Amino acid sequence: MQPHTQSLWDFMSQQSGKLLEQTFTHIGLTFISLLIAVIVGLPVGILISRKQKLSGIVLGIAGVLQTIPSIALLGFLIPLLGIGAKPAIAALFLYALLPIIRNTYTGITGVDKAITESAKGMGMSSMQSLFKVELPLAMPVIFAGIRTATVINVGVATLASYIAAGGLGEFIFGGIALNNTNMILAGAIPAALLAITFDFLLSRLQKLNIKKLQLAYVSFPLIVLLLSSFYLLPYSYESKLLAGFTPEFMGRDDGYPGLKKQYGLNIRTVVISDAVMYKAAYEQKLDVISGYSTDGRLKAFDLIILKDDKVIFPPYYAAPIVREETLQKYPELESVLNMLAGRINDSVMTELNYRGDYLKQTPEQIAKDFLIAKGLWKESRNGHKGTIRIGFKIFGEQYILGNIYGMLIKGYTDLDVSYKTGLGGTKICFDAMTNNQIDLYPEYTGTGLLVLLQPGQEKINSIINNKDSVYSYVSNNFHRQFHIKWLKPIGFNNAYALMMRRKQAEELHLSTITELKNYLSR
């Protein structure tokens, strides 16, 4: 049964409430940071126009800050400011500084010397000359800098969703994770329209005459302050708990949409990267998170799993999936990959993940230590018979499993290995395989069933409670539809789960998802 193809308009209509919330948040983030940048950047620009020896240093520092990749800057700020709005606003503020400082300096120093000398000759003090002559004349240039900063911030603010600050990036990153064009466009089009609209409005301010600009002195800060308050609108609605879900979980049928359908769960959500999600729950920035049952951070941050009492999450037994064309070309590959079958149970995988997620050991070291402990380690043969391309989804467990398989291939065959990292979520990784960009990657039976095959609900209900039935169904249908083979399961079940801090869950007497839903409905 093929799923109904949804148009962009249908998707945006269905998600209109969430889209409006994200737009308000996006505008708020943009203008809070812009307001701070104007408050800081304008005086700094004035200062260096008066003390020009400082201009090179100040503009150089502001320029260097703007060259730092935005995702790297957010990563640097998270340890200092945590997650959420604070690091996002700080990053946007730093990006907005350069055009504001530079244009303030350029605008003031560009005022004709004859005019400033005339002001001085009329008995004006330096401050009077600045506010009555130089700033009004420089204002079109200054507004050009503010205009540039605004457009930059609208674009960069999409990254704020990665650290639970909200904004239109929630749809964009969810769409990338799911390879869902409608979802990407639902975030990208409003973001582009915001940038175009604000750019146009500020361009009109630039063209005002001096007399009308005096009105802009008063009105512009008030407008920016008003737009900054938009960030608070989505948070003005009372909600007992705040949930943080990954972009992929927000869009999958076995994720938040399924929870709403099956349980009637309705909780205020923010999109957040898996990399910081668990720590955010531990630091009480989030109350409920999506996660994986074998994640090592469960142990590290004392989180508990809420029981899936209505069984929305199917078995997610891990197994390597391989292109049949690759197995035909290198038949020795299958037996080597199956050496891992049944060797990693839930507790072993949780411990391996703990070493990577919390102890920060490298996937290569974890993989080698595991193979040595199991008596499977062999030095690489440095073979040149061919190269097997191993793909990873973008979370630690995949990197560990991928490296284990890579070491087995290099140690037991004359094949070499190349790793394709950063493939994002399920759909991107799977599409890479079907388009002959990778040869194998670790997949999960439940994901294969609900995300990739998407059978009818009757079929899902008939097999969802039996791990062997799910494995048999995905194995047969992947072979028939995609010419991809599921090899033997590794042994552990990495199920999706909702998690809370143990102490909070005990205080609220919550142990199941139904109890969570009932608590939120009171």
Protein backbone atom coordinates (compact mmCIF):
# COMPACT_ATOMS: atom_id res chain seq x y z
CA MET A 1 0.00 0.00 0.00
CA GLN A 2 1.58 3.25 -1.11
CA PRO A 3 1.11 6.28 1.19
CA HIS A 4 -0.92 9.20 -0.13
CA THR A 5 1.32 11.88 -1.63
CA GLN A 6 0.80 15.09 0.33
CA SER A 7 1.14 18.47 -1.36
CA LEU A 8 3.11 21.33 0.16
CA TRP A 9 -0.10 23.31 0.72
CA ASP A 10 -1.74 20.34 2.46
CA PHE A 11 1.27 19.94 4.73
CA MET A 12 1.42 23.65 5.62
CA SER A 13 -2.34 23.74 6.27
CA GLN A 14 -2.10 20.69 8.50
CA GLN A 15 0.85 22.19 10.40
CA SER A 16 -0.41 25.79 10.39
CA GLY A 17 -0.46 26.10 14.18
CA LYS A 18 3.10 24.83 14.53
CA LEU A 19 4.23 26.93 11.57
CA LEU A 20 2.82 30.10 13.13
CA GLU A 21 4.51 29.28 16.43
CA GLN A 22 7.84 28.69 14.70
CA THR A 23 7.51 31.94 12.74
CA PHE A 24 6.87 33.97 15.89
CA THR A 25 9.83 32.32 17.58
CA HIS A 26 12.04 32.95 14.55
CA ILE A 27 11.11 36.64 14.42
CA GLY A 28 11.67 36.97 18.16
CA LEU A 29 15.15 35.39 18.03
CA THR A 30 16.12 37.59 15.09
CA PHE A 31 15.11 40.86 16.71
CA ILE A 32 16.21 40.15 20.28
CA SER A 33 19.72 39.58 18.98
CA LEU A 34 19.44 42.55 16.60
CA LEU A 35 18.34 44.84 19.42
CA ILE A 36 21.31 43.82 21.55
CA ALA A 37 23.64 44.19 18.55
CA VAL A 38 22.37 47.73 17.89
CA ILE A 39 22.70 48.66 21.59
CA VAL A 40 26.32 47.42 21.59
CA GLY A 41 27.38 48.00 17.98
CA LEU A 42 26.21 51.60 17.60
CA PRO A 43 28.26 52.97 20.55
CA VAL A 44 31.28 50.90 19.49
CA GLY A 45 31.03 52.28 15.94
CA ILE A 46 30.81 55.82 17.33
CA LEU A 47 33.78 55.18 19.60
CA ILE A 48 36.08 53.96 16.82
CA SER A 49 35.00 56.85 14.59
CA ARG A 50 36.35 59.14 17.32
CA LYS A 51 39.39 57.01 18.17
CA GLN A 52 40.34 55.71 14.75
CA LYS A 53 43.46 53.92 15.98
CA LEU A 54 41.09 51.35 17.50
CA SER A 55 39.11 50.82 14.31
CA GLY A 56 41.40 48.21 12.79
CA ILE A 57 41.44 46.08 15.96
CA VAL A 58 37.69 46.32 16.64
CA LEU A 59 36.63 45.67 13.03
CA GLY A 60 39.16 42.86 12.80
CA ILE A 61 37.76 41.10 15.88
CA ALA A 62 34.17 41.53 14.66
CA GLY A 63 35.22 40.22 11.25
CA VAL A 64 36.86 37.13 12.75
CA LEU A 65 33.72 36.37 14.79
CA GLN A 66 31.63 36.43 11.64
CA THR A 67 33.92 33.99 9.84
CA ILE A 68 33.38 31.27 12.48
CA PRO A 69 30.96 28.67 11.07
CA SER A 70 27.60 29.16 12.76
CA ILE A 71 27.20 25.54 13.87
CA ALA A 72 30.71 25.64 15.37
CA LEU A 73 29.94 28.87 17.21
CA LEU A 74 26.81 27.30 18.69
CA GLY A 75 28.86 24.29 19.74
CA PHE A 76 31.34 26.58 21.49
CA LEU A 77 28.59 28.51 23.28
CA ILE A 78 26.65 25.48 24.57
CA PRO A 79 29.17 24.63 27.35
CA LEU A 80 29.12 28.30 28.41
CA LEU A 81 25.40 29.10 28.16
CA GLY A 82 23.66 25.73 28.01
CA ILE A 83 20.98 25.04 25.41
CA GLY A 84 17.94 27.00 24.34
CA ALA A 85 17.57 30.69 23.58
CA LYS A 86 20.69 32.01 25.34
CA PRO A 87 23.39 30.51 23.07
CA ALA A 88 21.23 31.11 19.99
CA ILE A 89 20.77 34.80 20.81
CA ALA A 90 24.46 35.14 21.69
CA ALA A 91 25.52 33.63 18.35
CA LEU A 92 23.11 35.81 16.36
CA PHE A 93 24.28 38.89 18.28
CA LEU A 94 27.91 38.17 17.36
CA TYR A 95 27.00 37.71 13.68
CA ALA A 96 25.06 40.99 13.63
CA LEU A 97 27.87 43.05 15.18
CA LEU A 98 30.18 43.47 12.19
CA PRO A 99 27.77 45.14 9.71
CA ILE A 100 26.41 47.45 12.42
CA ILE A 101 29.82 48.52 13.76
CA ARG A 102 31.33 48.83 10.30
CA ASN A 103 28.47 50.87 8.83
CA THR A 104 28.26 53.14 11.87
CA TYR A 105 31.98 53.84 11.59
CA THR A 106 31.80 54.28 7.80
CA GLY A 107 28.72 56.50 7.97
CA ILE A 108 30.14 58.88 10.56
CA THR A 109 33.64 59.12 9.07
CA GLY A 110 32.05 59.63 5.65
CA VAL A 111 30.33 62.85 6.66
CA ASP A 112 31.86 65.80 4.77
CA LYS A 113 34.52 67.50 6.90
CA ALA A 114 33.24 70.88 5.80
CA ILE A 115 29.89 70.12 7.45
CA THR A 116 31.43 69.05 10.75
CA GLU A 117 33.71 72.10 10.71
CA SER A 118 30.68 74.33 10.11
CA ALA A 119 28.93 72.74 13.09
CA LYS A 120 31.98 73.36 15.20
CA GLY A 121 32.13 76.96 13.95
CA MET A 122 28.51 77.46 15.05
CA GLY A 123 29.58 76.64 18.58
CA MET A 124 28.38 73.04 18.75
CA SER A 125 30.17 70.73 21.12
CA SER A 126 31.46 67.37 19.90
CA MET A 127 28.37 65.60 21.32
CA GLN A 128 26.00 68.13 19.78
CA SER A 129 27.70 67.73 16.42
CA LEU A 130 27.43 63.97 16.71
CA PHE A 131 23.70 63.81 17.51
CA LYS A 132 22.47 66.80 15.52
CA VAL A 133 24.69 66.59 12.42
CA GLU A 134 26.80 63.45 11.97
CA LEU A 135 24.38 60.71 13.06
CA PRO A 136 21.43 62.07 11.03
CA LEU A 137 23.64 62.28 7.94
CA ALA A 138 25.13 58.84 8.61
CA MET A 139 21.77 57.19 9.33
CA PRO A 140 21.14 55.82 5.80
CA VAL A 141 24.50 54.02 5.96
CA ILE A 142 23.80 52.81 9.51
CA PHE A 143 20.41 51.49 8.46
CA ALA A 144 22.12 49.63 5.61
CA GLY A 145 24.24 47.85 8.22
CA ILE A 146 21.19 47.04 10.34
CA ARG A 147 19.45 45.80 7.19
CA THR A 148 22.37 43.47 6.40
CA ALA A 149 22.49 42.22 10.01
CA THR A 150 18.76 41.49 9.95
CA VAL A 151 18.95 39.39 6.79
CA ILE A 152 21.97 37.50 8.15
CA ASN A 153 20.16 36.77 11.41
CA VAL A 154 17.00 35.52 9.70
CA GLY A 155 19.13 32.95 7.86
CA VAL A 156 21.37 31.90 10.75
CA ALA A 157 18.41 31.69 13.17
CA THR A 158 17.31 28.48 11.43
CA LEU A 159 20.16 26.74 13.25
CA ALA A 160 18.68 27.74 16.61
CA SER A 161 16.27 24.81 16.42
CA TYR A 162 19.19 22.40 16.69
CA ILE A 163 19.70 23.49 20.31
CA ALA A 164 16.02 23.69 21.33
CA ALA A 165 15.65 27.44 20.76
CA GLY A 166 12.85 26.92 18.22
CA GLY A 167 12.29 28.73 14.94
CA LEU A 168 11.67 27.70 11.36
CA GLY A 169 14.71 25.45 11.38
CA GLU A 170 12.58 22.83 13.15
CA PHE A 171 10.80 22.00 9.89
CA ILE A 172 13.98 22.38 7.82
CA PHE A 173 16.06 19.94 9.89
CA GLY A 174 13.14 17.56 10.30
CA GLY A 175 12.70 17.54 6.53
CA ILE A 176 16.40 16.90 5.96
CA ALA A 177 16.37 13.99 8.43
CA LEU A 178 13.31 12.46 6.75
CA ASN A 179 14.18 13.53 3.18
CA ASN A 180 10.77 15.24 3.18
CA THR A 181 10.75 18.09 0.65
CA ASN A 182 7.43 19.48 1.89
CA MET A 183 8.75 19.75 5.42
CA ILE A 184 11.96 21.47 4.25
CA LEU A 185 10.03 23.97 2.13
CA ALA A 186 7.55 24.63 4.95
CA GLY A 187 10.46 26.04 6.95
CA ALA A 188 12.58 27.46 4.15
CA ILE A 189 9.88 29.44 2.32
CA PRO A 190 8.68 31.40 5.38
CA ALA A 191 12.31 32.06 6.38
CA ALA A 192 13.06 33.41 2.90
CA LEU A 193 9.89 35.52 2.94
CA LEU A 194 10.84 36.97 6.32
CA ALA A 195 14.30 37.92 5.02
CA ILE A 196 12.82 39.54 1.88
CA THR A 197 10.14 41.40 3.86
CA PHE A 198 12.48 42.79 6.49
CA ASP A 199 15.04 43.71 3.85
CA PHE A 200 12.39 45.61 1.88
CA LEU A 201 11.02 47.46 4.92
CA LEU A 202 14.48 48.50 6.09
CA SER A 203 15.37 49.62 2.56
CA ARG A 204 12.41 52.01 2.75
CA LEU A 205 13.77 53.42 6.01
CA GLN A 206 17.12 53.98 4.31
CA LYS A 207 15.49 56.21 1.72
CA LEU A 208 13.68 58.50 4.16
CA ASN A 209 14.70 62.15 4.18
CA ILE A 210 16.42 63.68 7.19
CA LYS A 211 13.21 65.05 8.68
CA LYS A 212 11.40 61.71 8.52
CA LEU A 213 14.48 59.93 9.83
CA GLN A 214 14.04 61.79 13.11
CA LEU A 215 10.73 59.96 13.55
CA ALA A 216 12.55 56.69 12.77
CA TYR A 217 14.93 57.38 15.69
CA VAL A 218 12.00 56.87 18.05
CA SER A 219 9.84 54.37 16.17
CA PHE A 220 12.54 51.91 15.03
CA PRO A 221 13.71 50.86 18.56
CA LEU A 222 10.08 50.43 19.63
CA ILE A 223 9.31 48.28 16.59
CA VAL A 224 12.39 46.12 17.20
CA LEU A 225 11.39 45.74 20.86
CA LEU A 226 7.88 44.72 19.83
CA LEU A 227 9.16 42.15 17.33
CA SER A 228 11.57 40.82 19.97
CA SER A 229 8.60 40.05 22.20
CA PHE A 230 7.31 37.63 19.55
CA TYR A 231 9.69 35.04 21.00
CA LEU A 232 7.57 34.90 24.13
CA LEU A 233 4.23 34.32 22.38
CA PRO A 234 4.56 30.54 21.91
CA TYR A 235 5.49 30.27 25.59
CA SER A 236 2.52 32.29 26.83
CA TYR A 237 0.28 29.24 26.66
CA GLU A 238 0.30 27.22 29.85
CA SER A 239 1.90 23.80 29.59
CA LYS A 240 2.86 21.54 32.45
CA LEU A 241 5.83 19.92 30.73
CA LEU A 242 8.18 20.66 27.85
CA ALA A 243 9.32 17.92 25.47
CA GLY A 244 12.43 17.91 23.29
CA PHE A 245 12.34 15.63 20.26
CA THR A 246 14.86 15.04 17.47
CA PRO A 247 13.96 16.30 13.97
CA GLU A 248 13.40 12.75 12.74
CA PHE A 249 11.18 11.79 15.69
CA MET A 250 8.99 14.83 15.05
CA GLY A 251 8.10 13.56 11.57
CA ARG A 252 8.06 9.76 11.81
CA ASP A 253 4.86 7.72 12.13
CA ASP A 254 6.51 5.88 15.04
CA GLY A 255 7.45 9.24 16.55
CA TYR A 256 5.44 12.20 17.82
CA PRO A 257 2.70 11.96 15.10
CA GLY A 258 2.08 8.37 16.16
CA LEU A 259 2.01 9.32 19.85
CA LYS A 260 -0.62 11.96 19.15
CA LYS A 261 -2.70 9.49 17.13
CA GLN A 262 -2.38 6.45 19.39
CA TYR A 263 -2.27 8.07 22.83
CA GLY A 264 -3.79 11.50 22.20
CA LEU A 265 -0.58 12.95 23.61
CA ASN A 266 -0.44 16.73 23.34
CA ILE A 267 2.66 18.34 24.82
CA ARG A 268 4.56 21.53 24.00
CA THR A 269 7.59 20.50 21.96
CA VAL A 270 10.88 21.88 20.74
CA VAL A 271 13.17 20.27 18.19
CA ILE A 272 16.65 19.50 19.46
CA SER A 273 19.75 17.68 18.29
CA ASP A 274 20.35 14.22 19.71
CA ALA A 275 23.84 15.40 20.71
CA VAL A 276 22.55 17.75 23.44
CA MET A 277 19.07 16.34 24.14
CA TYR A 278 19.95 14.04 27.04
CA LYS A 279 22.01 16.65 28.83
CA ALA A 280 19.18 19.15 28.42
CA ALA A 281 16.85 16.74 30.24
CA TYR A 282 19.44 16.22 32.98
CA GLU A 283 19.83 19.99 33.41
CA GLN A 284 16.02 20.35 33.70
CA LYS A 285 15.73 22.37 30.49
CA LEU A 286 13.42 19.64 29.15
CA ASP A 287 11.00 17.35 30.96
CA VAL A 288 10.41 14.66 28.33
CA ILE A 289 12.71 13.58 25.50
CA SER A 290 12.70 11.03 22.71
CA GLY A 291 15.57 8.60 22.83
CA TYR A 292 16.84 5.10 22.25
CA SER A 293 16.49 2.28 24.77
CA THR A 294 20.17 1.27 24.51
CA ASP A 295 21.58 4.79 24.75
CA GLY A 296 24.42 5.03 27.27
CA ARG A 297 23.23 8.43 28.46
CA LEU A 298 20.23 6.80 30.16
CA LYS A 299 22.69 5.53 32.74
CA ALA A 300 24.86 8.64 32.75
CA PHE A 301 22.02 11.11 33.41
CA ASP A 302 19.74 8.87 35.53
CA LEU A 303 16.82 8.88 33.08
CA ILE A 304 14.00 6.34 32.94
CA ILE A 305 11.93 5.04 30.03
CA LEU A 306 8.17 5.49 30.14
CA LYS A 307 6.52 2.18 29.27
CA ASP A 308 4.94 2.08 25.80
CA ASP A 309 1.73 0.50 27.12
CA LYS A 310 -0.17 0.82 23.83
CA VAL A 311 2.75 -0.57 21.79
CA ILE A 312 3.29 2.21 19.27
CA PHE A 313 7.00 1.35 19.02
CA PRO A 314 7.68 -1.95 17.21
CA PRO A 315 10.77 -4.12 17.81
CA TYR A 316 13.89 -2.33 16.56
CA TYR A 317 16.35 -5.19 16.26
CA ALA A 318 19.56 -4.08 14.59
CA ALA A 319 21.04 -5.87 11.60
CA PRO A 320 23.30 -4.92 8.68
CA ILE A 321 21.52 -4.37 5.40
CA VAL A 322 23.57 -4.83 2.23
CA ARG A 323 23.04 -4.27 -1.48
CA GLU A 324 22.51 -7.67 -3.12
CA GLU A 325 24.69 -6.57 -6.02
CA THR A 326 27.57 -6.07 -3.56
CA LEU A 327 27.05 -9.55 -2.04
CA GLN A 328 27.05 -11.12 -5.50
CA LYS A 329 30.30 -9.36 -6.35
CA TYR A 330 31.97 -10.20 -3.00
CA PRO A 331 30.26 -13.36 -1.66
CA GLU A 332 32.76 -13.65 1.21
CA LEU A 333 31.28 -10.50 2.73
CA GLU A 334 28.09 -12.07 4.10
CA SER A 335 29.74 -14.63 6.38
CA VAL A 336 32.10 -11.99 7.78
CA LEU A 337 29.29 -9.56 8.58
CA ASN A 338 27.28 -12.35 10.20
CA MET A 339 30.13 -12.96 12.64
CA LEU A 340 28.53 -10.24 14.77
CA ALA A 341 25.11 -11.94 14.79
CA GLY A 342 23.76 -12.50 18.32
CA ARG A 343 26.89 -11.14 20.00
CA ILE A 344 25.57 -7.80 21.26
CA ASN A 345 22.58 -7.79 23.61
CA ASP A 346 20.84 -4.71 25.04
CA SER A 347 23.13 -4.33 28.05
CA VAL A 348 26.31 -4.72 25.98
CA MET A 349 25.16 -2.11 23.44
CA THR A 350 24.17 0.25 26.25
CA GLU A 351 27.66 -0.07 27.73
CA LEU A 352 29.32 0.55 24.35
CA ASN A 353 27.13 3.61 23.85
CA TYR A 354 27.96 4.83 27.36
CA ARG A 355 31.65 4.73 26.52
CA GLY A 356 31.06 6.84 23.44
CA ASP A 357 28.30 9.19 24.56
CA TYR A 358 29.51 9.93 28.10
CA LEU A 359 33.13 8.84 28.42
CA LYS A 360 33.86 10.37 24.99
CA GLN A 361 35.92 7.43 23.72
CA THR A 362 36.28 7.26 19.95
CA PRO A 363 34.14 4.80 17.95
CA GLU A 364 37.34 3.25 16.58
CA GLN A 365 38.69 2.52 20.07
CA ILE A 366 35.36 1.17 21.30
CA ALA A 367 35.06 -1.10 18.24
CA LYS A 368 38.60 -2.45 18.57
CA ASP A 369 38.24 -3.10 22.32
CA PHE A 370 34.98 -4.96 21.72
CA LEU A 371 36.45 -7.18 19.00
CA ILE A 372 39.49 -7.98 21.15
CA ALA A 373 37.23 -8.88 24.10
CA LYS A 374 35.20 -11.21 21.87
CA GLY A 375 38.28 -12.80 20.30
CA LEU A 376 37.39 -11.44 16.86
CA TRP A 377 40.14 -8.88 16.35
CA LYS A 378 42.52 -9.32 13.42
CA GLU A 379 44.98 -6.88 11.94
CA SER A 380 43.98 -5.43 8.60
CA ARG A 381 45.11 -7.39 5.55
CA ASN A 382 45.40 -4.11 3.64
CA GLY A 383 43.53 -5.74 0.79
CA HIS A 384 42.94 -4.17 -2.60
CA LYS A 385 40.31 -6.50 -4.04
CA GLY A 386 37.66 -3.80 -3.78
CA THR A 387 36.23 -1.17 -1.44
CA ILE A 388 33.10 -1.58 0.65
CA ARG A 389 31.34 1.71 1.43
CA ILE A 390 29.82 1.73 4.91
CA GLY A 391 27.27 4.40 5.78
CA PHE A 392 26.23 5.76 9.17
CA LYS A 393 23.21 7.58 10.46
CA ILE A 394 24.18 10.55 12.55
CA PHE A 395 24.31 9.11 16.08
CA GLY A 396 27.00 7.37 18.09
CA GLU A 397 25.72 3.80 18.01
CA GLN A 398 25.87 3.78 14.21
CA TYR A 399 29.49 4.92 14.25
CA ILE A 400 30.42 2.16 16.69
CA LEU A 401 28.67 -0.58 14.69
CA GLY A 402 30.02 0.76 11.40
CA ASN A 403 33.58 0.65 12.71
CA ILE A 404 33.12 -2.88 14.05
CA TYR A 405 31.95 -4.04 10.62
CA GLY A 406 34.76 -2.15 8.92
CA MET A 407 37.40 -3.80 11.11
CA LEU A 408 35.91 -7.25 10.52
CA ILE A 409 35.94 -6.71 6.75
CA LYS A 410 39.53 -5.49 6.71
CA GLY A 411 40.71 -8.24 9.05
CA TYR A 412 38.95 -11.23 7.48
CA THR A 413 38.85 -10.35 3.76
CA ASP A 414 41.04 -8.78 1.10
CA LEU A 415 38.59 -5.89 0.82
CA ASP A 416 39.18 -2.31 1.86
CA VAL A 417 36.60 -0.06 3.55
CA SER A 418 35.54 3.58 3.19
CA TYR A 419 33.21 5.29 5.64
CA LYS A 420 30.41 7.64 4.60
CA THR A 421 29.62 9.69 7.68
CA GLY A 422 27.10 12.42 8.36
CA LEU A 423 24.29 10.92 6.25
CA GLY A 424 21.68 12.31 8.64
CA GLY A 425 18.52 10.34 9.27
CA THR A 426 17.01 7.13 7.97
CA LYS A 427 15.71 8.35 4.63
CA ILE A 428 18.98 9.97 3.56
CA CYS A 429 21.00 6.91 4.53
CA PHE A 430 18.60 4.55 2.77
CA ASP A 431 18.43 6.71 -0.35
CA ALA A 432 22.24 6.69 -0.43
CA MET A 433 22.07 2.89 -0.55
CA THR A 434 19.37 2.65 -3.21
CA ASN A 435 21.32 5.17 -5.32
CA ASN A 436 24.51 3.08 -5.08
CA GLN A 437 26.38 5.57 -2.90
CA ILE A 438 26.95 3.08 -0.07
CA ASP A 439 27.01 -0.72 0.14
CA LEU A 440 25.81 -1.35 3.68
CA TYR A 441 24.75 0.26 6.93
CA PRO A 442 23.18 -0.90 10.23
CA GLU A 443 19.38 -0.63 10.21
CA TYR A 444 16.58 -1.47 12.64
CA THR A 445 13.62 -3.73 11.88
CA GLY A 446 11.00 -1.32 13.25
CA THR A 447 12.42 1.54 11.20
CA GLY A 448 12.42 -0.62 8.09
CA LEU A 449 8.79 -1.49 8.73
CA LEU A 450 7.26 1.89 9.61
CA VAL A 451 9.52 4.40 7.89
CA LEU A 452 10.75 2.67 4.74
CA LEU A 453 8.06 0.11 3.86
CA GLN A 454 5.03 1.81 5.42
CA PRO A 455 2.49 -1.03 5.09
CA GLY A 456 -1.17 -0.61 5.97
CA GLN A 457 -2.25 -0.41 9.61
CA GLU A 458 -3.85 -3.86 9.47
CA LYS A 459 -0.54 -5.47 8.50
CA ILE A 460 1.34 -3.45 11.14
CA ASN A 461 -1.08 -4.54 13.87
CA SER A 462 -0.76 -8.20 12.84
CA ILE A 463 3.03 -8.36 13.22
CA ILE A 464 4.13 -5.48 15.48
CA ASN A 465 4.26 -7.56 18.68
CA ASN A 466 6.42 -10.33 17.22
CA LYS A 467 10.07 -9.54 16.53
CA ASP A 468 10.51 -12.54 14.21
CA SER A 469 7.46 -11.59 12.16
CA VAL A 470 8.70 -8.03 11.77
CA TYR A 471 12.17 -9.25 10.73
CA SER A 472 10.70 -11.73 8.23
CA TYR A 473 8.40 -9.08 6.74
CA VAL A 474 11.10 -6.43 6.24
CA SER A 475 13.60 -9.00 4.99
CA ASN A 476 11.24 -10.35 2.33
CA ASN A 477 9.98 -6.97 1.19
CA PHE A 478 13.41 -5.32 1.04
CA HIS A 479 14.58 -8.19 -1.17
CA ARG A 480 11.54 -7.90 -3.42
CA GLN A 481 11.26 -4.11 -3.66
CA PHE A 482 14.84 -2.85 -3.31
CA HIS A 483 17.18 -5.83 -3.91
CA ILE A 484 18.65 -5.25 -0.46
CA LYS A 485 19.38 -8.11 1.95
CA TRP A 486 18.91 -8.08 5.71
CA LEU A 487 21.65 -10.17 7.30
CA LYS A 488 21.35 -11.86 10.70
CA PRO A 489 20.29 -9.60 13.62
CA ILE A 490 23.07 -8.39 15.89
CA GLY A 491 21.06 -9.25 19.00
CA PHE A 492 19.90 -6.02 20.66
CA ASN A 493 16.63 -4.10 20.43
CA ASN A 494 17.24 -0.34 20.24
CA ALA A 495 13.65 0.79 20.54
CA TYR A 496 12.41 4.36 20.41
CA ALA A 497 11.32 5.54 23.84
CA LEU A 498 10.05 8.52 25.80
CA MET A 499 12.28 9.37 28.74
CA MET A 500 12.15 11.53 31.84
CA ARG A 501 14.40 12.30 34.78
CA ARG A 502 13.93 9.51 37.30
CA LYS A 503 13.30 11.87 40.22
CA GLN A 504 10.70 13.94 38.34
CA ALA A 505 8.87 10.84 37.04
CA GLU A 506 8.69 9.40 40.56
CA GLU A 507 7.44 12.70 42.02
CA LEU A 508 4.68 12.88 39.38
CA HIS A 509 3.96 9.12 39.64
CA LEU A 510 4.55 8.59 35.91
CA SER A 511 5.74 5.25 34.59
CA THR A 512 3.82 4.85 31.31
CA ILE A 513 3.02 7.05 28.32
CA THR A 514 -0.70 6.79 29.15
CA GLU A 515 -0.02 8.18 32.63
CA LEU A 516 1.94 11.03 31.04
CA LYS A 517 -0.98 11.81 28.72
CA ASN A 518 -3.46 11.72 31.62
CA TYR A 519 -1.26 14.03 33.70
CA LEU A 520 -1.08 16.57 30.87
CA SER A 521 -4.86 16.41 30.38
CA ARG A 522 -5.75 17.26 33.98
